[in-house]
Amino acid sequence: DKPMVLTTKVEEEVGFKNYSLKKVDLAK
């Protein structure tokens, strides 16, 4: 029930983490 949000906007991390889609290790 936890979302991975695909977006163009970087926001301040509060309860979530930002990752670059290009470099992300999805399994991790």
mmCIF file of all heavy atoms, coordinates in Angstrom:
data_MODEL
# 
_entry.id   MODEL 
# 
loop_
_atom_site.group_PDB 
_atom_site.id 
_atom_site.type_symbol 
_atom_site.label_atom_id 
_atom_site.label_alt_id 
_atom_site.label_comp_id 
_atom_site.label_asym_id 
_atom_site.label_entity_id 
_atom_site.label_seq_id 
_atom_site.pdbx_PDB_ins_code 
_atom_site.Cartn_x 
_atom_site.Cartn_y 
_atom_site.Cartn_z 
_atom_site.occupancy 
_atom_site.B_iso_or_equiv 
_atom_site.pdbx_formal_charge 
_atom_site.auth_seq_id 
_atom_site.auth_comp_id 
_atom_site.auth_asym_id 
_atom_site.auth_atom_id 
_atom_site.pdbx_PDB_model_num 
ATOM 1   N N   . ASP A 1 1  ? 0.814  -1.215 0.000   1.00 0.00 ? 1  ASP A N   1 
ATOM 2   C CA  . ASP A 1 1  ? 0.000  0.000  0.000   1.00 0.00 ? 1  ASP A CA  1 
ATOM 3   C C   . ASP A 1 1  ? 0.849  1.267  0.000   1.00 0.00 ? 1  ASP A C   1 
ATOM 4   O O   . ASP A 1 1  ? 0.326  2.364  0.192   1.00 0.00 ? 1  ASP A O   1 
ATOM 5   C CB  . ASP A 1 1  ? -0.958 0.004  1.201   1.00 0.00 ? 1  ASP A CB  1 
ATOM 6   C CG  . ASP A 1 1  ? -2.174 -0.878 0.955   1.00 0.00 ? 1  ASP A CG  1 
ATOM 7   O OD1 . ASP A 1 1  ? -2.437 -1.201 -0.219  1.00 0.00 ? 1  ASP A OD1 1 
ATOM 8   O OD2 . ASP A 1 1  ? -2.848 -1.242 1.924   1.00 0.00 ? 1  ASP A OD2 1 
ATOM 9   N N   . LYS A 1 2  ? 2.147  1.110  -0.194  1.00 0.00 ? 2  LYS A N   1 
ATOM 10  C CA  . LYS A 1 2  ? 3.032  2.281  -0.217  1.00 0.00 ? 2  LYS A CA  1 
ATOM 11  C C   . LYS A 1 2  ? 3.327  2.686  -1.659  1.00 0.00 ? 2  LYS A C   1 
ATOM 12  O O   . LYS A 1 2  ? 3.708  1.850  -2.472  1.00 0.00 ? 2  LYS A O   1 
ATOM 13  C CB  . LYS A 1 2  ? 4.333  1.967  0.517   1.00 0.00 ? 2  LYS A CB  1 
ATOM 14  C CG  . LYS A 1 2  ? 4.136  1.720  2.011   1.00 0.00 ? 2  LYS A CG  1 
ATOM 15  C CD  . LYS A 1 2  ? 5.458  1.438  2.674   1.00 0.00 ? 2  LYS A CD  1 
ATOM 16  C CE  . LYS A 1 2  ? 5.315  1.239  4.164   1.00 0.00 ? 2  LYS A CE  1 
ATOM 17  N NZ  . LYS A 1 2  ? 6.625  1.010  4.806   1.00 0.00 ? 2  LYS A NZ  1 
ATOM 18  N N   . PRO A 1 3  ? 3.166  3.976  -1.962  1.00 0.00 ? 3  PRO A N   1 
ATOM 19  C CA  . PRO A 1 3  ? 3.367  4.406  -3.353  1.00 0.00 ? 3  PRO A CA  1 
ATOM 20  C C   . PRO A 1 3  ? 4.808  4.773  -3.696  1.00 0.00 ? 3  PRO A C   1 
ATOM 21  O O   . PRO A 1 3  ? 5.537  5.325  -2.879  1.00 0.00 ? 3  PRO A O   1 
ATOM 22  C CB  . PRO A 1 3  ? 2.472  5.645  -3.458  1.00 0.00 ? 3  PRO A CB  1 
ATOM 23  C CG  . PRO A 1 3  ? 2.482  6.214  -2.077  1.00 0.00 ? 3  PRO A CG  1 
ATOM 24  C CD  . PRO A 1 3  ? 2.597  5.032  -1.140  1.00 0.00 ? 3  PRO A CD  1 
ATOM 25  N N   . MET A 1 4  ? 5.162  4.431  -4.925  1.00 0.00 ? 4  MET A N   1 
ATOM 26  C CA  . MET A 1 4  ? 6.335  4.996  -5.573  1.00 0.00 ? 4  MET A CA  1 
ATOM 27  C C   . MET A 1 4  ? 5.739  6.030  -6.525  1.00 0.00 ? 4  MET A C   1 
ATOM 28  O O   . MET A 1 4  ? 4.965  5.676  -7.409  1.00 0.00 ? 4  MET A O   1 
ATOM 29  C CB  . MET A 1 4  ? 7.075  3.943  -6.404  1.00 0.00 ? 4  MET A CB  1 
ATOM 30  C CG  . MET A 1 4  ? 7.781  2.898  -5.611  1.00 0.00 ? 4  MET A CG  1 
ATOM 31  S SD  . MET A 1 4  ? 8.598  1.781  -6.782  1.00 0.00 ? 4  MET A SD  1 
ATOM 32  C CE  . MET A 1 4  ? 10.063 1.427  -5.865  1.00 0.00 ? 4  MET A CE  1 
ATOM 33  N N   . VAL A 1 5  ? 6.048  7.267  -6.306  1.00 0.00 ? 5  VAL A N   1 
ATOM 34  C CA  . VAL A 1 5  ? 5.486  8.343  -7.114  1.00 0.00 ? 5  VAL A CA  1 
ATOM 35  C C   . VAL A 1 5  ? 6.487  8.705  -8.205  1.00 0.00 ? 5  VAL A C   1 
ATOM 36  O O   . VAL A 1 5  ? 7.638  9.034  -7.912  1.00 0.00 ? 5  VAL A O   1 
ATOM 37  C CB  . VAL A 1 5  ? 5.162  9.571  -6.239  1.00 0.00 ? 5  VAL A CB  1 
ATOM 38  C CG1 . VAL A 1 5  ? 4.593  10.706 -7.076  1.00 0.00 ? 5  VAL A CG1 1 
ATOM 39  C CG2 . VAL A 1 5  ? 4.199  9.189  -5.114  1.00 0.00 ? 5  VAL A CG2 1 
ATOM 40  N N   . LEU A 1 6  ? 6.048  8.605  -9.455  1.00 0.00 ? 6  LEU A N   1 
ATOM 41  C CA  . LEU A 1 6  ? 6.898  8.991  -10.578 1.00 0.00 ? 6  LEU A CA  1 
ATOM 42  C C   . LEU A 1 6  ? 6.581  10.450 -10.885 1.00 0.00 ? 6  LEU A C   1 
ATOM 43  O O   . LEU A 1 6  ? 5.434  10.787 -11.192 1.00 0.00 ? 6  LEU A O   1 
ATOM 44  C CB  . LEU A 1 6  ? 6.610  8.132  -11.806 1.00 0.00 ? 6  LEU A CB  1 
ATOM 45  C CG  . LEU A 1 6  ? 6.567  6.618  -11.621 1.00 0.00 ? 6  LEU A CG  1 
ATOM 46  C CD1 . LEU A 1 6  ? 6.329  5.926  -12.956 1.00 0.00 ? 6  LEU A CD1 1 
ATOM 47  C CD2 . LEU A 1 6  ? 7.838  6.108  -10.994 1.00 0.00 ? 6  LEU A CD2 1 
ATOM 48  N N   . THR A 1 7  ? 7.584  11.309 -10.787 1.00 0.00 ? 7  THR A N   1 
ATOM 49  C CA  . THR A 1 7  ? 7.326  12.743 -10.910 1.00 0.00 ? 7  THR A CA  1 
ATOM 50  C C   . THR A 1 7  ? 8.542  13.491 -11.458 1.00 0.00 ? 7  THR A C   1 
ATOM 51  O O   . THR A 1 7  ? 9.645  12.941 -11.510 1.00 0.00 ? 7  THR A O   1 
ATOM 52  C CB  . THR A 1 7  ? 6.908  13.328 -9.534  1.00 0.00 ? 7  THR A CB  1 
ATOM 53  O OG1 . THR A 1 7  ? 6.608  14.704 -9.674  1.00 0.00 ? 7  THR A OG1 1 
ATOM 54  C CG2 . THR A 1 7  ? 7.994  13.140 -8.485  1.00 0.00 ? 7  THR A CG2 1 
ATOM 55  N N   . THR A 1 8  ? 8.319  14.742 -11.839 1.00 0.00 ? 8  THR A N   1 
ATOM 56  C CA  . THR A 1 8  ? 9.414  15.603 -12.305 1.00 0.00 ? 8  THR A CA  1 
ATOM 57  C C   . THR A 1 8  ? 9.862  16.549 -11.194 1.00 0.00 ? 8  THR A C   1 
ATOM 58  O O   . THR A 1 8  ? 10.854 17.239 -11.333 1.00 0.00 ? 8  THR A O   1 
ATOM 59  C CB  . THR A 1 8  ? 8.959  16.458 -13.511 1.00 0.00 ? 8  THR A CB  1 
ATOM 60  O OG1 . THR A 1 8  ? 7.812  17.211 -13.126 1.00 0.00 ? 8  THR A OG1 1 
ATOM 61  C CG2 . THR A 1 8  ? 8.646  15.587 -14.717 1.00 0.00 ? 8  THR A CG2 1 
ATOM 62  N N   . LYS A 1 9  ? 9.122  16.600 -10.095 1.00 0.00 ? 9  LYS A N   1 
ATOM 63  C CA  . LYS A 1 9  ? 9.394  17.565 -9.021  1.00 0.00 ? 9  LYS A CA  1 
ATOM 64  C C   . LYS A 1 9  ? 10.131 16.943 -7.843  1.00 0.00 ? 9  LYS A C   1 
ATOM 65  O O   . LYS A 1 9  ? 9.701  15.945 -7.302  1.00 0.00 ? 9  LYS A O   1 
ATOM 66  C CB  . LYS A 1 9  ? 8.081  18.160 -8.516  1.00 0.00 ? 9  LYS A CB  1 
ATOM 67  C CG  . LYS A 1 9  ? 7.347  18.979 -9.554  1.00 0.00 ? 9  LYS A CG  1 
ATOM 68  C CD  . LYS A 1 9  ? 6.100  19.594 -8.950  1.00 0.00 ? 9  LYS A CD  1 
ATOM 69  C CE  . LYS A 1 9  ? 5.376  20.415 -9.992  1.00 0.00 ? 9  LYS A CE  1 
ATOM 70  N NZ  . LYS A 1 9  ? 4.212  19.756 -10.523 1.00 0.00 ? 9  LYS A NZ  1 
ATOM 71  N N   . VAL A 1 10 ? 11.219 17.600 -7.457  1.00 0.00 ? 10 VAL A N   1 
ATOM 72  C CA  . VAL A 1 10 ? 11.939 17.214 -6.245  1.00 0.00 ? 10 VAL A CA  1 
ATOM 73  C C   . VAL A 1 10 ? 11.327 18.016 -5.104  1.00 0.00 ? 10 VAL A C   1 
ATOM 74  O O   . VAL A 1 10 ? 11.200 19.231 -5.206  1.00 0.00 ? 10 VAL A O   1 
ATOM 75  C CB  . VAL A 1 10 ? 13.450 17.535 -6.357  1.00 0.00 ? 10 VAL A CB  1 
ATOM 76  C CG1 . VAL A 1 10 ? 14.168 17.178 -5.069  1.00 0.00 ? 10 VAL A CG1 1 
ATOM 77  C CG2 . VAL A 1 10 ? 14.063 16.788 -7.536  1.00 0.00 ? 10 VAL A CG2 1 
ATOM 78  N N   . GLU A 1 11 ? 10.901 17.324 -4.053  1.00 0.00 ? 11 GLU A N   1 
ATOM 79  C CA  . GLU A 1 11 ? 10.341 18.010 -2.893  1.00 0.00 ? 11 GLU A CA  1 
ATOM 80  C C   . GLU A 1 11 ? 11.135 17.653 -1.651  1.00 0.00 ? 11 GLU A C   1 
ATOM 81  O O   . GLU A 1 11 ? 11.855 16.657 -1.628  1.00 0.00 ? 11 GLU A O   1 
ATOM 82  C CB  . GLU A 1 11 ? 8.869  17.623 -2.710  1.00 0.00 ? 11 GLU A CB  1 
ATOM 83  C CG  . GLU A 1 11 ? 7.977  18.150 -3.821  1.00 0.00 ? 11 GLU A CG  1 
ATOM 84  C CD  . GLU A 1 11 ? 6.513  17.837 -3.590  1.00 0.00 ? 11 GLU A CD  1 
ATOM 85  O OE1 . GLU A 1 11 ? 6.118  17.520 -2.450  1.00 0.00 ? 11 GLU A OE1 1 
ATOM 86  O OE2 . GLU A 1 11 ? 5.758  17.927 -4.575  1.00 0.00 ? 11 GLU A OE2 1 
ATOM 87  N N   . GLU A 1 12 ? 10.976 18.490 -0.624  1.00 0.00 ? 12 GLU A N   1 
ATOM 88  C CA  . GLU A 1 12 ? 11.666 18.234 0.642   1.00 0.00 ? 12 GLU A CA  1 
ATOM 89  C C   . GLU A 1 12 ? 11.191 16.894 1.195   1.00 0.00 ? 12 GLU A C   1 
ATOM 90  O O   . GLU A 1 12 ? 9.988  16.607 1.218   1.00 0.00 ? 12 GLU A O   1 
ATOM 91  C CB  . GLU A 1 12 ? 11.351 19.359 1.636   1.00 0.00 ? 12 GLU A CB  1 
ATOM 92  C CG  . GLU A 1 12 ? 12.143 19.231 2.922   1.00 0.00 ? 12 GLU A CG  1 
ATOM 93  C CD  . GLU A 1 12 ? 11.799 20.317 3.932   1.00 0.00 ? 12 GLU A CD  1 
ATOM 94  O OE1 . GLU A 1 12 ? 11.241 21.358 3.531   1.00 0.00 ? 12 GLU A OE1 1 
ATOM 95  O OE2 . GLU A 1 12 ? 12.083 20.099 5.116   1.00 0.00 ? 12 GLU A OE2 1 
ATOM 96  N N   . GLU A 1 13 ? 12.134 16.080 1.638   1.00 0.00 ? 13 GLU A N   1 
ATOM 97  C CA  . GLU A 1 13 ? 11.822 14.727 2.098   1.00 0.00 ? 13 GLU A CA  1 
ATOM 98  C C   . GLU A 1 13 ? 11.221 14.729 3.502   1.00 0.00 ? 13 GLU A C   1 
ATOM 99  O O   . GLU A 1 13 ? 11.921 14.940 4.478   1.00 0.00 ? 13 GLU A O   1 
ATOM 100 C CB  . GLU A 1 13 ? 13.083 13.859 2.069   1.00 0.00 ? 13 GLU A CB  1 
ATOM 101 C CG  . GLU A 1 13 ? 13.627 13.661 0.672   1.00 0.00 ? 13 GLU A CG  1 
ATOM 102 C CD  . GLU A 1 13 ? 14.902 12.836 0.640   1.00 0.00 ? 13 GLU A CD  1 
ATOM 103 O OE1 . GLU A 1 13 ? 15.529 12.612 1.696   1.00 0.00 ? 13 GLU A OE1 1 
ATOM 104 O OE2 . GLU A 1 13 ? 15.275 12.401 -0.465  1.00 0.00 ? 13 GLU A OE2 1 
ATOM 105 N N   . VAL A 1 14 ? 9.913  14.512 3.569   1.00 0.00 ? 14 VAL A N   1 
ATOM 106 C CA  . VAL A 1 14 ? 9.217  14.398 4.851   1.00 0.00 ? 14 VAL A CA  1 
ATOM 107 C C   . VAL A 1 14 ? 8.385  13.120 4.776   1.00 0.00 ? 14 VAL A C   1 
ATOM 108 O O   . VAL A 1 14 ? 7.353  13.077 4.139   1.00 0.00 ? 14 VAL A O   1 
ATOM 109 C CB  . VAL A 1 14 ? 8.304  15.627 5.115   1.00 0.00 ? 14 VAL A CB  1 
ATOM 110 C CG1 . VAL A 1 14 ? 7.572  15.463 6.440   1.00 0.00 ? 14 VAL A CG1 1 
ATOM 111 C CG2 . VAL A 1 14 ? 9.101  16.913 5.087   1.00 0.00 ? 14 VAL A CG2 1 
ATOM 112 N N   . GLY A 1 15 ? 8.880  12.037 5.376   1.00 0.00 ? 15 GLY A N   1 
ATOM 113 C CA  . GLY A 1 15 ? 8.174  10.750 5.341   1.00 0.00 ? 15 GLY A CA  1 
ATOM 114 C C   . GLY A 1 15 ? 8.383  9.985  4.045   1.00 0.00 ? 15 GLY A C   1 
ATOM 115 O O   . GLY A 1 15 ? 7.808  8.930  3.852   1.00 0.00 ? 15 GLY A O   1 
ATOM 116 N N   . PHE A 1 16 ? 9.166  10.541 3.130   1.00 0.00 ? 16 PHE A N   1 
ATOM 117 C CA  . PHE A 1 16 ? 9.466  9.859  1.872   1.00 0.00 ? 16 PHE A CA  1 
ATOM 118 C C   . PHE A 1 16 ? 10.897 10.175 1.463   1.00 0.00 ? 16 PHE A C   1 
ATOM 119 O O   . PHE A 1 16 ? 11.539 11.049 2.039   1.00 0.00 ? 16 PHE A O   1 
ATOM 120 C CB  . PHE A 1 16 ? 8.475  10.260 0.760   1.00 0.00 ? 16 PHE A CB  1 
ATOM 121 C CG  . PHE A 1 16 ? 8.562  11.703 0.344   1.00 0.00 ? 16 PHE A CG  1 
ATOM 122 C CD1 . PHE A 1 16 ? 9.475  12.113 -0.617  1.00 0.00 ? 16 PHE A CD1 1 
ATOM 123 C CD2 . PHE A 1 16 ? 7.740  12.646 0.911   1.00 0.00 ? 16 PHE A CD2 1 
ATOM 124 C CE1 . PHE A 1 16 ? 9.566  13.443 -1.001  1.00 0.00 ? 16 PHE A CE1 1 
ATOM 125 C CE2 . PHE A 1 16 ? 7.822  13.984 0.548   1.00 0.00 ? 16 PHE A CE2 1 
ATOM 126 C CZ  . PHE A 1 16 ? 8.737  14.380 -0.414  1.00 0.00 ? 16 PHE A CZ  1 
ATOM 127 N N   . LYS A 1 17 ? 11.397 9.458  0.470   1.00 0.00 ? 17 LYS A N   1 
ATOM 128 C CA  . LYS A 1 17 ? 12.749 9.694  -0.070  1.00 0.00 ? 17 LYS A CA  1 
ATOM 129 C C   . LYS A 1 17 ? 12.648 9.986  -1.559  1.00 0.00 ? 17 LYS A C   1 
ATOM 130 O O   . LYS A 1 17 ? 11.818 9.419  -2.246  1.00 0.00 ? 17 LYS A O   1 
ATOM 131 C CB  . LYS A 1 17 ? 13.647 8.470  0.124   1.00 0.00 ? 17 LYS A CB  1 
ATOM 132 C CG  . LYS A 1 17 ? 14.005 8.109  1.542   1.00 0.00 ? 17 LYS A CG  1 
ATOM 133 C CD  . LYS A 1 17 ? 15.105 8.922  2.154   1.00 0.00 ? 17 LYS A CD  1 
ATOM 134 C CE  . LYS A 1 17 ? 16.443 8.718  1.498   1.00 0.00 ? 17 LYS A CE  1 
ATOM 135 N NZ  . LYS A 1 17 ? 17.423 9.734  1.872   1.00 0.00 ? 17 LYS A NZ  1 
ATOM 136 N N   . ASN A 1 18 ? 13.520 10.878 -2.031  1.00 0.00 ? 18 ASN A N   1 
ATOM 137 C CA  . ASN A 1 18 ? 13.645 11.169 -3.460  1.00 0.00 ? 18 ASN A CA  1 
ATOM 138 C C   . ASN A 1 18 ? 14.774 10.329 -4.048  1.00 0.00 ? 18 ASN A C   1 
ATOM 139 O O   . ASN A 1 18 ? 15.822 10.179 -3.420  1.00 0.00 ? 18 ASN A O   1 
ATOM 140 C CB  . ASN A 1 18 ? 14.003 12.645 -3.684  1.00 0.00 ? 18 ASN A CB  1 
ATOM 141 C CG  . ASN A 1 18 ? 12.853 13.579 -3.388  1.00 0.00 ? 18 ASN A CG  1 
ATOM 142 O OD1 . ASN A 1 18 ? 11.755 13.384 -3.866  1.00 0.00 ? 18 ASN A OD1 1 
ATOM 143 N ND2 . ASN A 1 18 ? 13.104 14.601 -2.589  1.00 0.00 ? 18 ASN A ND2 1 
ATOM 144 N N   . TYR A 1 19 ? 14.562 9.796  -5.238  1.00 0.00 ? 19 TYR A N   1 
ATOM 145 C CA  . TYR A 1 19 ? 15.605 9.064  -5.970  1.00 0.00 ? 19 TYR A CA  1 
ATOM 146 C C   . TYR A 1 19 ? 15.561 9.487  -7.429  1.00 0.00 ? 19 TYR A C   1 
ATOM 147 O O   . TYR A 1 19 ? 14.488 9.756  -7.968  1.00 0.00 ? 19 TYR A O   1 
ATOM 148 C CB  . TYR A 1 19 ? 15.371 7.544  -5.914  1.00 0.00 ? 19 TYR A CB  1 
ATOM 149 C CG  . TYR A 1 19 ? 15.492 6.934  -4.541  1.00 0.00 ? 19 TYR A CG  1 
ATOM 150 C CD1 . TYR A 1 19 ? 14.363 6.758  -3.752  1.00 0.00 ? 19 TYR A CD1 1 
ATOM 151 C CD2 . TYR A 1 19 ? 16.720 6.514  -4.039  1.00 0.00 ? 19 TYR A CD2 1 
ATOM 152 C CE1 . TYR A 1 19 ? 14.457 6.191  -2.487  1.00 0.00 ? 19 TYR A CE1 1 
ATOM 153 C CE2 . TYR A 1 19 ? 16.823 5.945  -2.787  1.00 0.00 ? 19 TYR A CE2 1 
ATOM 154 C CZ  . TYR A 1 19 ? 15.688 5.792  -2.020  1.00 0.00 ? 19 TYR A CZ  1 
ATOM 155 O OH  . TYR A 1 19 ? 15.775 5.225  -0.775  1.00 0.00 ? 19 TYR A OH  1 
ATOM 156 N N   . SER A 1 20 ? 16.709 9.480  -8.055  1.00 0.00 ? 20 SER A N   1 
ATOM 157 C CA  . SER A 1 20 ? 16.769 9.715  -9.494  1.00 0.00 ? 20 SER A CA  1 
ATOM 158 C C   . SER A 1 20 ? 16.305 8.438  -10.194 1.00 0.00 ? 20 SER A C   1 
ATOM 159 O O   . SER A 1 20 ? 16.834 7.357  -9.925  1.00 0.00 ? 20 SER A O   1 
ATOM 160 C CB  . SER A 1 20 ? 18.203 10.045 -9.910  1.00 0.00 ? 20 SER A CB  1 
ATOM 161 O OG  . SER A 1 20 ? 18.352 9.854  -11.299 1.00 0.00 ? 20 SER A OG  1 
ATOM 162 N N   . LEU A 1 21 ? 15.335 8.551  -11.086 1.00 0.00 ? 21 LEU A N   1 
ATOM 163 C CA  . LEU A 1 21 ? 14.817 7.384  -11.803 1.00 0.00 ? 21 LEU A CA  1 
ATOM 164 C C   . LEU A 1 21 ? 15.924 6.717  -12.618 1.00 0.00 ? 21 LEU A C   1 
ATOM 165 O O   . LEU A 1 21 ? 15.982 5.495  -12.712 1.00 0.00 ? 21 LEU A O   1 
ATOM 166 C CB  . LEU A 1 21 ? 13.645 7.796  -12.703 1.00 0.00 ? 21 LEU A CB  1 
ATOM 167 C CG  . LEU A 1 21 ? 12.970 6.692  -13.511 1.00 0.00 ? 21 LEU A CG  1 
ATOM 168 C CD1 . LEU A 1 21 ? 12.473 5.563  -12.622 1.00 0.00 ? 21 LEU A CD1 1 
ATOM 169 C CD2 . LEU A 1 21 ? 11.821 7.256  -14.333 1.00 0.00 ? 21 LEU A CD2 1 
ATOM 170 N N   . LYS A 1 22 ? 16.811 7.528  -13.168 1.00 0.00 ? 22 LYS A N   1 
ATOM 171 C CA  . LYS A 1 22 ? 17.898 7.002  -13.995 1.00 0.00 ? 22 LYS A CA  1 
ATOM 172 C C   . LYS A 1 22 ? 18.845 6.096  -13.209 1.00 0.00 ? 22 LYS A C   1 
ATOM 173 O O   . LYS A 1 22 ? 19.290 5.070  -13.693 1.00 0.00 ? 22 LYS A O   1 
ATOM 174 C CB  . LYS A 1 22 ? 18.712 8.181  -14.545 1.00 0.00 ? 22 LYS A CB  1 
ATOM 175 C CG  . LYS A 1 22 ? 18.913 8.152  -16.032 1.00 0.00 ? 22 LYS A CG  1 
ATOM 176 C CD  . LYS A 1 22 ? 19.701 9.375  -16.457 1.00 0.00 ? 22 LYS A CD  1 
ATOM 177 C CE  . LYS A 1 22 ? 19.120 9.952  -17.719 1.00 0.00 ? 22 LYS A CE  1 
ATOM 178 N NZ  . LYS A 1 22 ? 19.744 11.172 -18.143 1.00 0.00 ? 22 LYS A NZ  1 
ATOM 179 N N   . LYS A 1 23 ? 19.147 6.484  -11.955 1.00 0.00 ? 23 LYS A N   1 
ATOM 180 C CA  . LYS A 1 23 ? 20.190 5.796  -11.173 1.00 0.00 ? 23 LYS A CA  1 
ATOM 181 C C   . LYS A 1 23 ? 19.659 4.857  -10.091 1.00 0.00 ? 23 LYS A C   1 
ATOM 182 O O   . LYS A 1 23 ? 20.439 4.193  -9.426  1.00 0.00 ? 23 LYS A O   1 
ATOM 183 C CB  . LYS A 1 23 ? 21.100 6.840  -10.511 1.00 0.00 ? 23 LYS A CB  1 
ATOM 184 C CG  . LYS A 1 23 ? 21.810 7.734  -11.495 1.00 0.00 ? 23 LYS A CG  1 
ATOM 185 C CD  . LYS A 1 23 ? 22.567 8.828  -10.770 1.00 0.00 ? 23 LYS A CD  1 
ATOM 186 C CE  . LYS A 1 23 ? 23.136 9.827  -11.771 1.00 0.00 ? 23 LYS A CE  1 
ATOM 187 N NZ  . LYS A 1 23 ? 23.520 11.067 -11.139 1.00 0.00 ? 23 LYS A NZ  1 
ATOM 188 N N   . VAL A 1 24 ? 18.363 4.805  -9.897  1.00 0.00 ? 24 VAL A N   1 
ATOM 189 C CA  . VAL A 1 24 ? 17.790 4.070  -8.765  1.00 0.00 ? 24 VAL A CA  1 
ATOM 190 C C   . VAL A 1 24 ? 18.025 2.557  -8.869  1.00 0.00 ? 24 VAL A C   1 
ATOM 191 O O   . VAL A 1 24 ? 17.937 1.978  -9.943  1.00 0.00 ? 24 VAL A O   1 
ATOM 192 C CB  . VAL A 1 24 ? 16.278 4.382  -8.610  1.00 0.00 ? 24 VAL A CB  1 
ATOM 193 C CG1 . VAL A 1 24 ? 15.464 3.743  -9.731  1.00 0.00 ? 24 VAL A CG1 1 
ATOM 194 C CG2 . VAL A 1 24 ? 15.769 3.933  -7.262  1.00 0.00 ? 24 VAL A CG2 1 
ATOM 195 N N   . ASP A 1 25 ? 18.345 1.957  -7.722  1.00 0.00 ? 25 ASP A N   1 
ATOM 196 C CA  . ASP A 1 25 ? 18.383 0.495  -7.596  1.00 0.00 ? 25 ASP A CA  1 
ATOM 197 C C   . ASP A 1 25 ? 17.000 0.101  -7.080  1.00 0.00 ? 25 ASP A C   1 
ATOM 198 O O   . ASP A 1 25 ? 16.728 0.168  -5.880  1.00 0.00 ? 25 ASP A O   1 
ATOM 199 C CB  . ASP A 1 25 ? 19.485 0.075  -6.609  1.00 0.00 ? 25 ASP A CB  1 
ATOM 200 C CG  . ASP A 1 25 ? 19.546 -1.425 -6.392  1.00 0.00 ? 25 ASP A CG  1 
ATOM 201 O OD1 . ASP A 1 25 ? 18.553 -2.139 -6.686  1.00 0.00 ? 25 ASP A OD1 1 
ATOM 202 O OD2 . ASP A 1 25 ? 20.584 -1.902 -5.897  1.00 0.00 ? 25 ASP A OD2 1 
ATOM 203 N N   . LEU A 1 26 ? 16.116 -0.261 -8.007  1.00 0.00 ? 26 LEU A N   1 
ATOM 204 C CA  . LEU A 1 26 ? 14.713 -0.485 -7.677  1.00 0.00 ? 26 LEU A CA  1 
ATOM 205 C C   . LEU A 1 26 ? 14.511 -1.583 -6.627  1.00 0.00 ? 26 LEU A C   1 
ATOM 206 O O   . LEU A 1 26 ? 13.714 -1.422 -5.712  1.00 0.00 ? 26 LEU A O   1 
ATOM 207 C CB  . LEU A 1 26 ? 13.939 -0.807 -8.949  1.00 0.00 ? 26 LEU A CB  1 
ATOM 208 C CG  . LEU A 1 26 ? 12.533 -0.258 -9.066  1.00 0.00 ? 26 LEU A CG  1 
ATOM 209 C CD1 . LEU A 1 26 ? 12.406 1.170  -8.614  1.00 0.00 ? 26 LEU A CD1 1 
ATOM 210 C CD2 . LEU A 1 26 ? 12.006 -0.427 -10.460 1.00 0.00 ? 26 LEU A CD2 1 
ATOM 211 N N   . ALA A 1 27 ? 15.246 -2.679 -6.746  1.00 0.00 ? 27 ALA A N   1 
ATOM 212 C CA  . ALA A 1 27 ? 15.096 -3.785 -5.785  1.00 0.00 ? 27 ALA A CA  1 
ATOM 213 C C   . ALA A 1 27 ? 15.427 -3.304 -4.368  1.00 0.00 ? 27 ALA A C   1 
ATOM 214 O O   . ALA A 1 27 ? 14.731 -3.647 -3.410  1.00 0.00 ? 27 ALA A O   1 
ATOM 215 C CB  . ALA A 1 27 ? 15.984 -4.956 -6.180  1.00 0.00 ? 27 ALA A CB  1 
ATOM 216 N N   . LYS A 1 28 ? 16.462 -2.496 -4.251  1.00 0.00 ? 28 LYS A N   1 
ATOM 217 C CA  . LYS A 1 28 ? 16.877 -1.963 -2.946  1.00 0.00 ? 28 LYS A CA  1 
ATOM 218 C C   . LYS A 1 28 ? 15.787 -1.045 -2.371  1.00 0.00 ? 28 LYS A C   1 
ATOM 219 O O   . LYS A 1 28 ? 15.455 -1.115 -1.187  1.00 0.00 ? 28 LYS A O   1 
ATOM 220 C CB  . LYS A 1 28 ? 18.180 -1.181 -3.143  1.00 0.00 ? 28 LYS A CB  1 
ATOM 221 C CG  . LYS A 1 28 ? 19.009 -0.975 -1.920  1.00 0.00 ? 28 LYS A CG  1 
ATOM 222 C CD  . LYS A 1 28 ? 20.314 -0.321 -2.362  1.00 0.00 ? 28 LYS A CD  1 
ATOM 223 C CE  . LYS A 1 28 ? 21.307 -0.235 -1.251  1.00 0.00 ? 28 LYS A CE  1 
ATOM 224 N NZ  . LYS A 1 28 ? 22.564 0.354  -1.703  1.00 0.00 ? 28 LYS A NZ  1 
# 
